[in-house]
Structures are given as C-alpha cells and as structure tokens.
Amino acid sequence: MQNKNILKKFIIPAAVVIFTALPGYCSPAISLKQTAIKFLLAMGGVALSSFVIFAGLSIYNKFFVERKAIKFNKEDSLSTPETVDEAVHFFIRKNKLR
C-alpha cells in the first residue's frame, strides 16, 4: 500500500518531468538576441493592433453614435425629495416617462 503511494506521488511525476524535458535538451540552442527580437516583434504587433482597435472605436463613436445631451440641474440632483409624491414626480421627470 505504501509503495503505491510513493509510486503515485514521486516516481510517476518525476518520470513525466524527465520525459517531457528531454526534447528541450535535444533542441539546438537559440541565441538571446533572436529571442529578444521575436519578443519585441510580438509586442509590436500587440501595440499596433491595440492602436488600430482604439482608432477604429474612436472613429465609430465620432460618426455613428449619437450624443445625448444631458441637462444637469444642480437643484434637482442635490436635493432629496421629502415626500413620496415628490420622489415619484422626480423619478418620472428624470426618466422622461411623460
């Protein structure tokens, strides 16, 4: 019983690590400069695609999304209704239900 636990907990994971690590040892060494260049190219692609998405959404918002003019009334927004009727009228007025 104890041998099975040792086998499950230590030997099998160690064998998996060893067998999966061997292809990494067999591959030819890649220089740090090549790795850095590939990384910078990938990050440049990410930056470029982010800029394209930002520009596209900005253009879309400018031409295709209509702006709603919000009328800000300082007295209405800062005062608390004192009765239920005032609260209902305030809600109806703010949500343009009439």
C-alpha atoms as a PDB file:
ATOM      1  CA  MET A   1       0.000   0.000   0.000  1.00  0.00           C
ATOM      2  CA  GLN A   2       2.751   2.419   0.952  1.00  0.00           C
ATOM      3  CA  ASN A   3       4.711   1.511  -2.179  1.00  0.00           C
ATOM      4  CA  LYS A   4       1.736   2.545  -4.329  1.00  0.00           C
ATOM      5  CA  ASN A   5       1.567   5.944  -2.614  1.00  0.00           C
ATOM      6  CA  ILE A   6       5.279   6.535  -3.175  1.00  0.00           C
ATOM      7  CA  LEU A   7       4.855   5.469  -6.797  1.00  0.00           C
ATOM      8  CA  LYS A   8       1.918   7.820  -7.322  1.00  0.00           C
ATOM      9  CA  LYS A   9       3.366  10.814  -5.514  1.00  0.00           C
ATOM     10  CA  PHE A  10       7.021  10.804  -6.521  1.00  0.00           C
ATOM     11  CA  ILE A  11       8.102   8.361  -9.195  1.00  0.00           C
ATOM     12  CA  ILE A  12       5.363   8.953 -11.787  1.00  0.00           C
ATOM     13  CA  PRO A  13       5.609  12.780 -11.673  1.00  0.00           C
ATOM     14  CA  ALA A  14       9.405  12.557 -11.817  1.00  0.00           C
ATOM     15  CA  ALA A  15       9.202  10.311 -14.876  1.00  0.00           C
ATOM     16  CA  VAL A  16       6.776  12.690 -16.566  1.00  0.00           C
ATOM     17  CA  VAL A  17       9.084  15.654 -15.909  1.00  0.00           C
ATOM     18  CA  ILE A  18      12.116  13.807 -17.223  1.00  0.00           C
ATOM     19  CA  PHE A  19      10.432  12.587 -20.401  1.00  0.00           C
ATOM     20  CA  THR A  20       8.861  15.929 -21.206  1.00  0.00           C
ATOM     21  CA  ALA A  21      12.090  17.840 -20.548  1.00  0.00           C
ATOM     22  CA  LEU A  22      14.215  15.742 -22.889  1.00  0.00           C
ATOM     23  CA  PRO A  23      13.035  17.391 -26.131  1.00  0.00           C
ATOM     24  CA  GLY A  24      14.124  20.737 -24.690  1.00  0.00           C
ATOM     25  CA  TYR A  25      17.615  19.399 -24.092  1.00  0.00           C
ATOM     26  CA  CYS A  26      17.839  18.000 -27.606  1.00  0.00           C
ATOM     27  CA  SER A  27      16.869  21.157 -29.459  1.00  0.00           C
ATOM     28  CA  PRO A  28      19.604  23.424 -30.773  1.00  0.00           C
ATOM     29  CA  ALA A  29      20.386  26.447 -28.643  1.00  0.00           C
ATOM     30  CA  ILE A  30      18.647  29.681 -29.633  1.00  0.00           C
ATOM     31  CA  SER A  31      20.548  32.868 -29.008  1.00  0.00           C
ATOM     32  CA  LEU A  32      19.238  35.508 -26.643  1.00  0.00           C
ATOM     33  CA  LYS A  33      19.257  38.081 -29.441  1.00  0.00           C
ATOM     34  CA  GLN A  34      16.863  36.019 -31.585  1.00  0.00           C
ATOM     35  CA  THR A  35      14.569  35.500 -28.617  1.00  0.00           C
ATOM     36  CA  ALA A  36      14.558  39.223 -27.814  1.00  0.00           C
ATOM     37  CA  ILE A  37      13.820  40.119 -31.445  1.00  0.00           C
ATOM     38  CA  LYS A  38      10.891  37.698 -31.577  1.00  0.00           C
ATOM     39  CA  PHE A  39       9.547  39.047 -28.298  1.00  0.00           C
ATOM     40  CA  LEU A  40       9.814  42.659 -29.484  1.00  0.00           C
ATOM     41  CA  LEU A  41       8.094  41.807 -32.761  1.00  0.00           C
ATOM     42  CA  ALA A  42       5.249  40.151 -30.866  1.00  0.00           C
ATOM     43  CA  MET A  43       4.880  43.135 -28.515  1.00  0.00           C
ATOM     44  CA  GLY A  44       4.977  45.484 -31.513  1.00  0.00           C
ATOM     45  CA  GLY A  45       2.116  43.534 -33.053  1.00  0.00           C
ATOM     46  CA  VAL A  46       0.154  43.808 -29.818  1.00  0.00           C
ATOM     47  CA  ALA A  47       0.752  47.577 -29.670  1.00  0.00           C
ATOM     48  CA  LEU A  48      -0.178  48.019 -33.327  1.00  0.00           C
ATOM     49  CA  SER A  49      -3.393  46.027 -33.007  1.00  0.00           C
ATOM     50  CA  SER A  50      -4.314  47.943 -29.835  1.00  0.00           C
ATOM     51  CA  PHE A  51      -3.835  51.243 -31.659  1.00  0.00           C
ATOM     52  CA  VAL A  52      -5.899  50.052 -34.639  1.00  0.00           C
ATOM     53  CA  ILE A  53      -8.739  48.971 -32.335  1.00  0.00           C
ATOM     54  CA  PHE A  54      -8.577  52.289 -30.430  1.00  0.00           C
ATOM     55  CA  ALA A  55      -8.624  54.334 -33.641  1.00  0.00           C
ATOM     56  CA  GLY A  56     -11.462  52.281 -35.101  1.00  0.00           C
ATOM     57  CA  LEU A  57     -13.613  52.657 -32.000  1.00  0.00           C
ATOM     58  CA  SER A  58     -12.880  56.382 -31.825  1.00  0.00           C
ATOM     59  CA  ILE A  59     -13.970  56.856 -35.429  1.00  0.00           C
ATOM     60  CA  TYR A  60     -17.052  54.711 -34.837  1.00  0.00           C
ATOM     61  CA  ASN A  61     -18.056  56.751 -31.782  1.00  0.00           C
ATOM     62  CA  LYS A  62     -17.485  60.038 -33.604  1.00  0.00           C
ATOM     63  CA  PHE A  63     -19.618  59.235 -36.654  1.00  0.00           C
ATOM     64  CA  PHE A  64     -22.114  56.534 -35.728  1.00  0.00           C
ATOM     65  CA  VAL A  65     -23.035  57.046 -32.073  1.00  0.00           C
ATOM     66  CA  GLU A  66     -25.357  59.926 -31.340  1.00  0.00           C
ATOM     67  CA  ARG A  67     -24.624  62.040 -28.305  1.00  0.00           C
ATOM     68  CA  LYS A  68     -27.380  62.525 -25.779  1.00  0.00           C
ATOM     69  CA  ALA A  69     -27.413  65.983 -24.288  1.00  0.00           C
ATOM     70  CA  ILE A  70     -27.769  65.576 -20.541  1.00  0.00           C
ATOM     71  CA  LYS A  71     -29.303  68.558 -18.856  1.00  0.00           C
ATOM     72  CA  PHE A  72     -27.724  68.959 -15.462  1.00  0.00           C
ATOM     73  CA  ASN A  73     -29.855  70.763 -12.955  1.00  0.00           C
ATOM     74  CA  LYS A  74     -27.980  71.353  -9.730  1.00  0.00           C
ATOM     75  CA  GLU A  75     -31.052  71.761  -7.543  1.00  0.00           C
ATOM     76  CA  ASP A  76     -32.661  68.533  -8.735  1.00  0.00           C
ATOM     77  CA  SER A  77     -29.600  66.393  -8.442  1.00  0.00           C
ATOM     78  CA  LEU A  78     -28.536  67.525  -4.975  1.00  0.00           C
ATOM     79  CA  SER A  79     -31.906  67.823  -3.256  1.00  0.00           C
ATOM     80  CA  THR A  80     -33.578  64.820  -1.711  1.00  0.00           C
ATOM     81  CA  PRO A  81     -37.329  64.514  -2.200  1.00  0.00           C
ATOM     82  CA  GLU A  82     -39.130  64.870   1.108  1.00  0.00           C
ATOM     83  CA  THR A  83     -42.402  63.142   0.264  1.00  0.00           C
ATOM     84  CA  VAL A  84     -43.340  60.121  -1.766  1.00  0.00           C
ATOM     85  CA  ASP A  85     -45.149  62.289  -4.301  1.00  0.00           C
ATOM     86  CA  GLU A  86     -42.064  64.434  -4.853  1.00  0.00           C
ATOM     87  CA  ALA A  87     -39.964  61.300  -5.286  1.00  0.00           C
ATOM     88  CA  VAL A  88     -42.375  59.864  -7.865  1.00  0.00           C
ATOM     89  CA  HIS A  89     -42.508  63.152  -9.802  1.00  0.00           C
ATOM     90  CA  PHE A  90     -38.729  63.438  -9.666  1.00  0.00           C
ATOM     91  CA  PHE A  91     -38.350  59.876 -10.988  1.00  0.00           C
ATOM     92  CA  ILE A  92     -40.835  60.480 -13.810  1.00  0.00           C
ATOM     93  CA  ARG A  93     -39.168  63.773 -14.764  1.00  0.00           C
ATOM     94  CA  LYS A  94     -35.638  62.320 -14.728  1.00  0.00           C
ATOM     95  CA  ASN A  95     -36.551  59.226 -16.738  1.00  0.00           C
ATOM     96  CA  LYS A  96     -38.734  61.170 -19.171  1.00  0.00           C
ATOM     97  CA  LEU A  97     -41.721  58.920 -18.687  1.00  0.00           C
ATOM     98  CA  ARG A  98     -44.126  61.722 -19.669  1.00  0.00           C
END
